[in-house]
PDB file of N, CA and C in Angstrom:
ATOM      1  N   MET A   1      61.741 109.399 109.543  1.00  0.00           N
ATOM      2  CA  MET A   1      63.179 109.448 109.320  1.00  0.00           C
ATOM      3  C   MET A   1      63.475 109.498 107.824  1.00  0.00           C
ATOM      4  N   ARG A   2      62.710 108.805 107.046  1.00  0.00           N
ATOM      5  CA  ARG A   2      62.940 108.766 105.611  1.00  0.00           C
ATOM      6  C   ARG A   2      62.722 110.134 104.966  1.00  0.00           C
ATOM      7  N   LYS A   3      61.716 110.877 105.429  1.00  0.00           N
ATOM      8  CA  LYS A   3      61.441 112.182 104.847  1.00  0.00           C
ATOM      9  C   LYS A   3      62.571 113.172 105.108  1.00  0.00           C
ATOM     10  N   VAL A   4      63.185 113.069 106.259  1.00  0.00           N
ATOM     11  CA  VAL A   4      64.294 113.970 106.580  1.00  0.00           C
ATOM     12  C   VAL A   4      65.436 113.754 105.599  1.00  0.00           C
ATOM     13  N   ASP A   5      65.741 112.488 105.297  1.00  0.00           N
ATOM     14  CA  ASP A   5      66.810 112.196 104.342  1.00  0.00           C
ATOM     15  C   ASP A   5      66.479 112.759 102.969  1.00  0.00           C
ATOM     16  N   ASN A   6      65.218 112.613 102.547  1.00  0.00           N
ATOM     17  CA  ASN A   6      64.825 113.131 101.241  1.00  0.00           C
ATOM     18  C   ASN A   6      64.899 114.650 101.208  1.00  0.00           C
ATOM     19  N   GLN A   7      64.507 115.312 102.309  1.00  0.00           N
ATOM     20  CA  GLN A   7      64.566 116.765 102.343  1.00  0.00           C
ATOM     21  C   GLN A   7      66.009 117.241 102.281  1.00  0.00           C
ATOM     22  N   THR A   8      66.890 116.527 102.962  1.00  0.00           N
ATOM     23  CA  THR A   8      68.301 116.894 102.919  1.00  0.00           C
ATOM     24  C   THR A   8      68.833 116.765 101.501  1.00  0.00           C
ATOM     25  N   THR A   9      68.460 115.691 100.826  1.00  0.00           N
ATOM     26  CA  THR A   9      68.891 115.493  99.446  1.00  0.00           C
ATOM     27  C   THR A   9      68.317 116.581  98.556  1.00  0.00           C
ATOM     28  N   ASN A  10      67.042 116.912  98.760  1.00  0.00           N
ATOM     29  CA  ASN A  10      66.430 117.957  97.943  1.00  0.00           C
ATOM     30  C   ASN A  10      67.090 119.309  98.187  1.00  0.00           C
ATOM     31  N   ARG A  11      67.418 119.612  99.441  1.00  0.00           N
ATOM     32  CA  ARG A  11      68.087 120.875  99.737  1.00  0.00           C
ATOM     33  C   ARG A  11      69.465 120.916  99.092  1.00  0.00           C
ATOM     34  N   SER A  12      70.169 119.797  99.167  1.00  0.00           N
ATOM     35  CA  SER A  12      71.507 119.749  98.572  1.00  0.00           C
ATOM     36  C   SER A  12      71.441 119.908  97.065  1.00  0.00           C
ATOM     37  N   SER A  13      70.500 119.198  96.431  1.00  0.00           N
ATOM     38  CA  SER A  13      70.394 119.302  94.982  1.00  0.00           C
ATOM     39  C   SER A  13      69.886 120.681  94.579  1.00  0.00           C
ATOM     40  N   LEU A  14      69.038 121.296  95.420  1.00  0.00           N
ATOM     41  CA  LEU A  14      68.579 122.653  95.141  1.00  0.00           C
ATOM     42  C   LEU A  14      69.749 123.627  95.231  1.00  0.00           C
ATOM     43  N   TYR A  15      70.585 123.464  96.229  1.00  0.00           N
ATOM     44  CA  TYR A  15      71.778 124.302  96.372  1.00  0.00           C
ATOM     45  C   TYR A  15      72.661 124.162  95.134  1.00  0.00           C
ATOM     46  N   CYS A  16      72.862 122.919  94.700  1.00  0.00           N
ATOM     47  CA  CYS A  16      73.713 122.691  93.522  1.00  0.00           C
ATOM     48  C   CYS A  16      73.062 123.239  92.257  1.00  0.00           C
ATOM     49  N   ALA A  17      71.724 123.176  92.186  1.00  0.00           N
ATOM     50  CA  ALA A  17      71.034 123.709  91.015  1.00  0.00           C
ATOM     51  C   ALA A  17      71.185 125.224  90.932  1.00  0.00           C
ATOM     52  N   ILE A  18      71.222 125.885  92.076  1.00  0.00           N
ATOM     53  CA  ILE A  18      71.326 127.347  92.083  1.00  0.00           C
ATOM     54  C   ILE A  18      72.778 127.800  91.941  1.00  0.00           C
ATOM     55  N   PHE A  19      73.658 127.266  92.777  1.00  0.00           N
ATOM     56  CA  PHE A  19      75.033 127.755  92.842  1.00  0.00           C
ATOM     57  C   PHE A  19      76.032 126.901  92.070  1.00  0.00           C
ATOM     58  N   GLY A  20      75.647 125.734  91.640  1.00  0.00           N
ATOM     59  CA  GLY A  20      76.560 124.833  90.944  1.00  0.00           C
ATOM     60  C   GLY A  20      77.191 123.846  91.909  1.00  0.00           C
ATOM     61  N   HIS A  21      77.753 122.796  91.366  1.00  0.00           N
ATOM     62  CA  HIS A  21      78.356 121.746  92.181  1.00  0.00           C
ATOM     63  C   HIS A  21      79.703 122.200  92.732  1.00  0.00           C
ATOM     64  N   ASN A  22      80.069 121.611  93.857  1.00  0.00           N
ATOM     65  CA  ASN A  22      81.371 121.867  94.470  1.00  0.00           C
ATOM     66  C   ASN A  22      82.143 120.545  94.435  1.00  0.00           C
ATOM     67  N   PHE A  23      82.760 120.252  93.280  1.00  0.00           N
ATOM     68  CA  PHE A  23      83.449 118.981  93.104  1.00  0.00           C
ATOM     69  C   PHE A  23      84.825 119.019  93.744  1.00  0.00           C
ATOM     70  N   GLN A  24      85.156 117.920  94.416  1.00  0.00           N
ATOM     71  CA  GLN A  24      86.499 117.727  94.949  1.00  0.00           C
ATOM     72  C   GLN A  24      86.981 116.356  94.494  1.00  0.00           C
ATOM     73  N   VAL A  25      88.283 116.220  94.317  1.00  0.00           N
ATOM     74  CA  VAL A  25      88.858 114.964  93.840  1.00  0.00           C
ATOM     75  C   VAL A  25      88.661 113.891  94.906  1.00  0.00           C
ATOM     76  N   SER A  26      88.036 112.779  94.504  1.00  0.00           N
ATOM     77  CA  SER A  26      87.850 111.670  95.436  1.00  0.00           C
ATOM     78  C   SER A  26      88.848 110.546  95.169  1.00  0.00           C
ATOM     79  N   LYS A  27      89.287 110.395  93.911  1.00  0.00           N
ATOM     80  CA  LYS A  27      90.275 109.363  93.558  1.00  0.00           C
ATOM     81  C   LYS A  27      91.156 109.868  92.434  1.00  0.00           C
ATOM     82  N   ASN A  28      92.436 109.581  92.527  1.00  0.00           N
ATOM     83  CA  ASN A  28      93.363 109.829  91.426  1.00  0.00           C
ATOM     84  C   ASN A  28      93.563 108.509  90.699  1.00  0.00           C
ATOM     85  N   ILE A  29      93.102 108.429  89.465  1.00  0.00           N
ATOM     86  CA  ILE A  29      93.245 107.208  88.673  1.00  0.00           C
ATOM     87  C   ILE A  29      94.616 107.209  87.999  1.00  0.00           C
ATOM     88  N   THR A  30      94.888 108.232  87.203  1.00  0.00           N
ATOM     89  CA  THR A  30      96.204 108.435  86.591  1.00  0.00           C
ATOM     90  C   THR A  30      96.565 109.901  86.808  1.00  0.00           C
ATOM     91  N   TYR A  31      97.596 110.354  86.104  1.00  0.00           N
ATOM     92  CA  TYR A  31      97.965 111.760  86.229  1.00  0.00           C
ATOM     93  C   TYR A  31      96.885 112.671  85.648  1.00  0.00           C
ATOM     94  N   HIS A  32      96.145 112.188  84.640  1.00  0.00           N
ATOM     95  CA  HIS A  32      95.166 113.020  83.952  1.00  0.00           C
ATOM     96  C   HIS A  32      93.723 112.639  84.263  1.00  0.00           C
ATOM     97  N   VAL A  33      93.475 111.418  84.678  1.00  0.00           N
ATOM     98  CA  VAL A  33      92.113 110.948  84.945  1.00  0.00           C
ATOM     99  C   VAL A  33      91.885 110.930  86.448  1.00  0.00           C
ATOM    100  N   LYS A  34      90.783 111.562  86.853  1.00  0.00           N
ATOM    101  CA  LYS A  34      90.436 111.625  88.270  1.00  0.00           C
ATOM    102  C   LYS A  34      88.941 111.398  88.428  1.00  0.00           C
ATOM    103  N   GLU A  35      88.537 110.995  89.631  1.00  0.00           N
ATOM    104  CA  GLU A  35      87.120 110.906  89.967  1.00  0.00           C
ATOM    105  C   GLU A  35      86.814 112.027  90.944  1.00  0.00           C
ATOM    106  N   TYR A  36      85.666 112.650  90.753  1.00  0.00           N
ATOM    107  CA  TYR A  36      85.258 113.788  91.571  1.00  0.00           C
ATOM    108  C   TYR A  36      83.943 113.473  92.268  1.00  0.00           C
ATOM    109  N   LYS A  37      83.725 114.110  93.421  1.00  0.00           N
ATOM    110  CA  LYS A  37      82.480 113.950  94.162  1.00  0.00           C
ATOM    111  C   LYS A  37      82.044 115.318  94.666  1.00  0.00           C
ATOM    112  N   CYS A  38      80.754 115.642  94.493  1.00  0.00           N
ATOM    113  CA  CYS A  38      80.214 116.912  94.968  1.00  0.00           C
ATOM    114  C   CYS A  38      80.057 116.841  96.481  1.00  0.00           C
ATOM    115  N   CYS A  39      80.509 117.869  97.162  1.00  0.00           N
ATOM    116  CA  CYS A  39      80.429 117.907  98.629  1.00  0.00           C
ATOM    117  C   CYS A  39      78.991 118.031  99.114  1.00  0.00           C
ATOM    118  N   ASN A  40      78.119 118.614  98.301  1.00  0.00           N
ATOM    119  CA  ASN A  40      76.749 118.869  98.735  1.00  0.00           C
ATOM    120  C   ASN A  40      75.801 117.724  98.408  1.00  0.00           C
ATOM    121  N   CYS A  41      75.717 117.347  97.135  1.00  0.00           N
ATOM    122  CA  CYS A  41      74.715 116.358  96.719  1.00  0.00           C
ATOM    123  C   CYS A  41      75.305 114.969  96.494  1.00  0.00           C
ATOM    124  N   LYS A  42      76.606 114.790  96.669  1.00  0.00           N
ATOM    125  CA  LYS A  42      77.308 113.508  96.538  1.00  0.00           C
ATOM    126  C   LYS A  42      77.286 112.954  95.115  1.00  0.00           C
ATOM    127  N   LYS A  43      77.069 113.799  94.123  1.00  0.00           N
ATOM    128  CA  LYS A  43      77.104 113.361  92.731  1.00  0.00           C
ATOM    129  C   LYS A  43      78.540 113.067  92.348  1.00  0.00           C
ATOM    130  N   GLU A  44      78.759 111.967  91.610  1.00  0.00           N
ATOM    131  CA  GLU A  44      80.108 111.557  91.223  1.00  0.00           C
ATOM    132  C   GLU A  44      80.317 111.776  89.732  1.00  0.00           C
ATOM    133  N   MET A  45      81.489 112.295  89.397  1.00  0.00           N
ATOM    134  CA  MET A  45      81.851 112.561  88.012  1.00  0.00           C
ATOM    135  C   MET A  45      83.271 112.050  87.777  1.00  0.00           C
ATOM    136  N   THR A  46      83.608 111.859  86.514  1.00  0.00           N
ATOM    137  CA  THR A  46      84.960 111.461  86.131  1.00  0.00           C
ATOM    138  C   THR A  46      85.323 112.156  84.834  1.00  0.00           C
ATOM    139  N   THR A  47      86.593 112.145  84.515  1.00  0.00           N
ATOM    140  CA  THR A  47      87.020 112.728  83.247  1.00  0.00           C
ATOM    141  C   THR A  47      86.980 111.645  82.176  1.00  0.00           C
ATOM    142  N   ASN A  48      86.510 112.021  80.985  1.00  0.00           N
ATOM    143  CA  ASN A  48      86.458 111.063  79.887  1.00  0.00           C
ATOM    144  C   ASN A  48      87.704 111.202  79.020  1.00  0.00           C
ATOM    145  N   SER A  49      87.701 110.562  77.871  1.00  0.00           N
ATOM    146  CA  SER A  49      88.887 110.564  77.009  1.00  0.00           C
ATOM    147  C   SER A  49      89.199 111.947  76.446  1.00  0.00           C
ATOM    148  N   ASN A  50      88.204 112.829  76.392  1.00  0.00           N
ATOM    149  CA  ASN A  50      88.427 114.189  75.893  1.00  0.00           C
ATOM    150  C   ASN A  50      88.820 115.158  76.994  1.00  0.00           C
ATOM    151  N   GLY A  51      88.823 114.696  78.241  1.00  0.00           N
ATOM    152  CA  GLY A  51      89.152 115.564  79.360  1.00  0.00           C
ATOM    153  C   GLY A  51      87.957 116.281  79.943  1.00  0.00           C
ATOM    154  N   ASP A  52      86.754 115.975  79.446  1.00  0.00           N
ATOM    155  CA  ASP A  52      85.536 116.594  79.958  1.00  0.00           C
ATOM    156  C   ASP A  52      84.984 115.782  81.121  1.00  0.00           C
ATOM    157  N   LEU A  53      84.212 116.431  81.988  1.00  0.00           N
ATOM    158  CA  LEU A  53      83.577 115.722  83.096  1.00  0.00           C
ATOM    159  C   LEU A  53      82.323 115.016  82.604  1.00  0.00           C
ATOM    160  N   THR A  54      82.200 113.746  82.968  1.00  0.00           N
ATOM    161  CA  THR A  54      81.003 112.972  82.665  1.00  0.00           C
ATOM    162  C   THR A  54      80.556 112.269  83.933  1.00  0.00           C
ATOM    163  N   GLU A  55      79.276 111.897  83.961  1.00  0.00           N
ATOM    164  CA  GLU A  55      78.738 111.229  85.137  1.00  0.00           C
ATOM    165  C   GLU A  55      79.395 109.863  85.307  1.00  0.00           C
ATOM    166  N   LEU A  56      79.671 109.499  86.545  1.00  0.00           N
ATOM    167  CA  LEU A  56      80.357 108.244  86.839  1.00  0.00           C
ATOM    168  C   LEU A  56      79.337 107.111  86.848  1.00  0.00           C
ATOM    169  N   THR A  57      79.259 106.388  85.738  1.00  0.00           N
ATOM    170  CA  THR A  57      78.354 105.252  85.601  1.00  0.00           C
ATOM    171  C   THR A  57      79.121 103.979  85.944  1.00  0.00           C
ATOM    172  N   PRO A  58      78.429 102.856  86.109  1.00  0.00           N
ATOM    173  CA  PRO A  58      79.148 101.601  86.365  1.00  0.00           C
ATOM    174  C   PRO A  58      80.168 101.265  85.271  1.00  0.00           C
ATOM    175  N   LYS A  59      79.862 101.629  84.035  1.00  0.00           N
ATOM    176  CA  LYS A  59      80.797 101.387  82.932  1.00  0.00           C
ATOM    177  C   LYS A  59      82.079 102.195  83.133  1.00  0.00           C
ATOM    178  N   PHE A  60      81.945 103.471  83.492  1.00  0.00           N
ATOM    179  CA  PHE A  60      83.123 104.302  83.729  1.00  0.00           C
ATOM    180  C   PHE A  60      83.869 103.864  84.980  1.00  0.00           C
ATOM    181  N   LYS A  61      83.159 103.350  85.994  1.00  0.00           N
ATOM    182  CA  LYS A  61      83.836 102.833  87.188  1.00  0.00           C
ATOM    183  C   LYS A  61      84.732 101.659  86.821  1.00  0.00           C
ATOM    184  N   GLU A  62      84.215 100.772  85.970  1.00  0.00           N
ATOM    185  CA  GLU A  62      85.003  99.618  85.537  1.00  0.00           C
ATOM    186  C   GLU A  62      86.196 100.061  84.695  1.00  0.00           C
ATOM    187  N   ILE A  63      85.964 100.997  83.786  1.00  0.00           N
ATOM    188  CA  ILE A  63      87.052 101.512  82.953  1.00  0.00           C
ATOM    189  C   ILE A  63      88.132 102.139  83.824  1.00  0.00           C
ATOM    190  N   ASN A  64      87.722 102.925  84.819  1.00  0.00           N
ATOM    191  CA  ASN A  64      88.693 103.585  85.694  1.00  0.00           C
ATOM    192  C   ASN A  64      89.471 102.587  86.534  1.00  0.00           C
ATOM    193  N   SER A  65      88.818 101.516  86.996  1.00  0.00           N
ATOM    194  CA  SER A  65      89.539 100.524  87.804  1.00  0.00           C
ATOM    195  C   SER A  65      90.581  99.791  86.966  1.00  0.00           C
ATOM    196  N   VAL A  66      90.236  99.448  85.725  1.00  0.00           N
ATOM    197  CA  VAL A  66      91.200  98.788  84.835  1.00  0.00           C
ATOM    198  C   VAL A  66      92.338  99.750  84.493  1.00  0.00           C
ATOM    199  N   LEU A  67      91.998 100.996  84.213  1.00  0.00           N
ATOM    200  CA  LEU A  67      93.006 102.001  83.890  1.00  0.00           C
ATOM    201  C   LEU A  67      93.951 102.233  85.062  1.00  0.00           C
ATOM    202  N   LYS A  68      93.418 102.250  86.267  1.00  0.00           N
ATOM    203  CA  LYS A  68      94.256 102.437  87.454  1.00  0.00           C
ATOM    204  C   LYS A  68      95.205 101.255  87.638  1.00  0.00           C
ATOM    205  N   ARG A  69      94.713 100.036  87.419  1.00  0.00           N
ATOM    206  CA  ARG A  69      95.563  98.851  87.545  1.00  0.00           C
ATOM    207  C   ARG A  69      96.693  98.884  86.516  1.00  0.00           C
ATOM    208  N   ILE A  70      96.373  99.233  85.279  1.00  0.00           N
ATOM    209  CA  ILE A  70      97.388  99.310  84.229  1.00  0.00           C
ATOM    210  C   ILE A  70      98.414 100.395  84.561  1.00  0.00           C
ATOM    211  N   HIS A  71      97.941 101.537  85.023  1.00  0.00           N
ATOM    212  CA  HIS A  71      98.835 102.650  85.361  1.00  0.00           C
ATOM    213  C   HIS A  71      99.764 102.276  86.518  1.00  0.00           C
ATOM    214  N   ASN A  72      99.223 101.622  87.538  1.00  0.00           N
ATOM    215  CA  ASN A  72     100.057 101.212  88.675  1.00  0.00           C
ATOM    216  C   ASN A  72     101.104 100.183  88.253  1.00  0.00           C
ATOM    217  N   ASN A  73     100.718  99.239  87.389  1.00  0.00           N
ATOM    218  CA  ASN A  73     101.683  98.250  86.892  1.00  0.00           C
ATOM    219  C   ASN A  73     102.800  98.926  86.100  1.00  0.00           C
ATOM    220  N   LYS A  74     102.451  99.936  85.317  1.00  0.00           N
ATOM    221  CA  LYS A  74     103.458 100.663  84.548  1.00  0.00           C
ATOM    222  C   LYS A  74     104.422 101.394  85.482  1.00  0.00           C
ATOM    223  N   LEU A  75     103.886 102.029  86.527  1.00  0.00           N
ATOM    224  CA  LEU A  75     104.749 102.734  87.480  1.00  0.00           C
ATOM    225  C   LEU A  75     105.688 101.775  88.193  1.00  0.00           C
ATOM    226  N   ILE A  76     105.188 100.599  88.556  1.00  0.00           N
ATOM    227  CA  ILE A  76     106.027  99.591  89.218  1.00  0.00           C
ATOM    228  C   ILE A  76     107.129  99.127  88.273  1.00  0.00           C
ATOM    229  N   ARG A  77     106.761  98.871  87.008  1.00  0.00           N
ATOM    230  CA  ARG A  77     107.741  98.418  86.022  1.00  0.00           C
ATOM    231  C   ARG A  77     108.818  99.479  85.793  1.00  0.00           C
ATOM    232  N   LEU A  78     108.423 100.738  85.706  1.00  0.00           N
ATOM    233  CA  LEU A  78     109.401 101.808  85.494  1.00  0.00           C
ATOM    234  C   LEU A  78     110.314 101.986  86.697  1.00  0.00           C
ATOM    235  N   SER A  79     109.777 101.835  87.891  1.00  0.00           N
ATOM    236  CA  SER A  79     110.627 101.978  89.080  1.00  0.00           C
ATOM    237  C   SER A  79     111.629 100.829  89.172  1.00  0.00           C
ATOM    238  N   ARG A  80     111.244  99.636  88.742  1.00  0.00           N
ATOM    239  CA  ARG A  80     112.186  98.504  88.728  1.00  0.00           C
ATOM    240  C   ARG A  80     113.296  98.735  87.718  1.00  0.00           C
ATOM    241  N   GLN A  81     112.959  99.298  86.564  1.00  0.00           N
ATOM    242  CA  GLN A  81     113.973  99.564  85.547  1.00  0.00           C
ATOM    243  C   GLN A  81     114.991 100.574  86.047  1.00  0.00           C
ATOM    244  N   ARG A  82     114.550 101.558  86.784  1.00  0.00           N
ATOM    245  CA  ARG A  82     115.478 102.559  87.312  1.00  0.00           C
ATOM    246  C   ARG A  82     116.411 101.941  88.343  1.00  0.00           C
ATOM    247  N   ILE A  83     115.911 100.994  89.119  1.00  0.00           N
ATOM    248  CA  ILE A  83     116.737 100.331  90.126  1.00  0.00           C
ATOM    249  C   ILE A  83     117.718  99.380  89.454  1.00  0.00           C
ATOM    250  N   ASP A  84     117.263  98.636  88.437  1.00  0.00           N
ATOM    251  CA  ASP A  84     118.112  97.658  87.766  1.00  0.00           C
ATOM    252  C   ASP A  84     119.214  98.315  86.936  1.00  0.00           C
ATOM    253  N   TYR A  85     118.951  99.462  86.370  1.00  0.00           N
ATOM    254  CA  TYR A  85     119.911 100.124  85.501  1.00  0.00           C
ATOM    255  C   TYR A  85     120.279 101.488  86.076  1.00  0.00           C
ATOM    256  N   PRO A  86     121.198 101.523  87.030  1.00  0.00           N
ATOM    257  CA  PRO A  86     121.601 102.826  87.576  1.00  0.00           C
ATOM    258  C   PRO A  86     122.365 103.616  86.522  1.00  0.00           C
ATOM    259  N   GLN A  87     122.358 104.915  86.680  1.00  0.00           N
ATOM    260  CA  GLN A  87     123.044 105.772  85.718  1.00  0.00           C
ATOM    261  C   GLN A  87     124.553 105.581  85.828  1.00  0.00           C
ATOM    262  N   ILE A  88     125.196 105.500  84.671  1.00  0.00           N
ATOM    263  CA  ILE A  88     126.645 105.327  84.613  1.00  0.00           C
ATOM    264  C   ILE A  88     127.277 106.704  84.447  1.00  0.00           C
ATOM    265  N   LYS A  89     128.249 106.993  85.289  1.00  0.00           N
ATOM    266  CA  LYS A  89     128.934 108.275  85.198  1.00  0.00           C
ATOM    267  C   LYS A  89     130.090 108.148  84.217  1.00  0.00           C
ATOM    268  N   MET A  90     130.112 109.061  83.295  1.00  0.00           N
ATOM    269  CA  MET A  90     131.181 109.084  82.301  1.00  0.00           C
ATOM    270  C   MET A  90     132.312 109.958  82.826  1.00  0.00           C
ATOM    271  N   THR A  91     133.507 109.428  82.787  1.00  0.00           N
ATOM    272  CA  THR A  91     134.673 110.215  83.201  1.00  0.00           C
ATOM    273  C   THR A  91     135.572 110.417  81.997  1.00  0.00           C
ATOM    274  N   SER A  92     136.229 111.517  81.960  1.00  0.00           N
ATOM    275  CA  SER A  92     137.108 111.775  80.814  1.00  0.00           C
ATOM    276  C   SER A  92     138.550 111.821  81.220  1.00  0.00           C
TER     277      SER A  92
END
């Protein structure tokens, strides 16, 4: 059973080596930062500060989780401000 799993992984990585990875978005962290996962070999990538794809290491996973928490808190705070301060219509 173990050899079958390894052969599947080797075939997937061979496919990616020949044709390239087929990355799809697995998580939206912010509007600009996303995590990607290859459909074939399950390799995970993320965008770095320059907007380039880099391998998703434990360090980047931690950075992305903190960034997502900060981004969500900001969105919550902004939505509360919009509710607390409705737009005033000016009449002449």
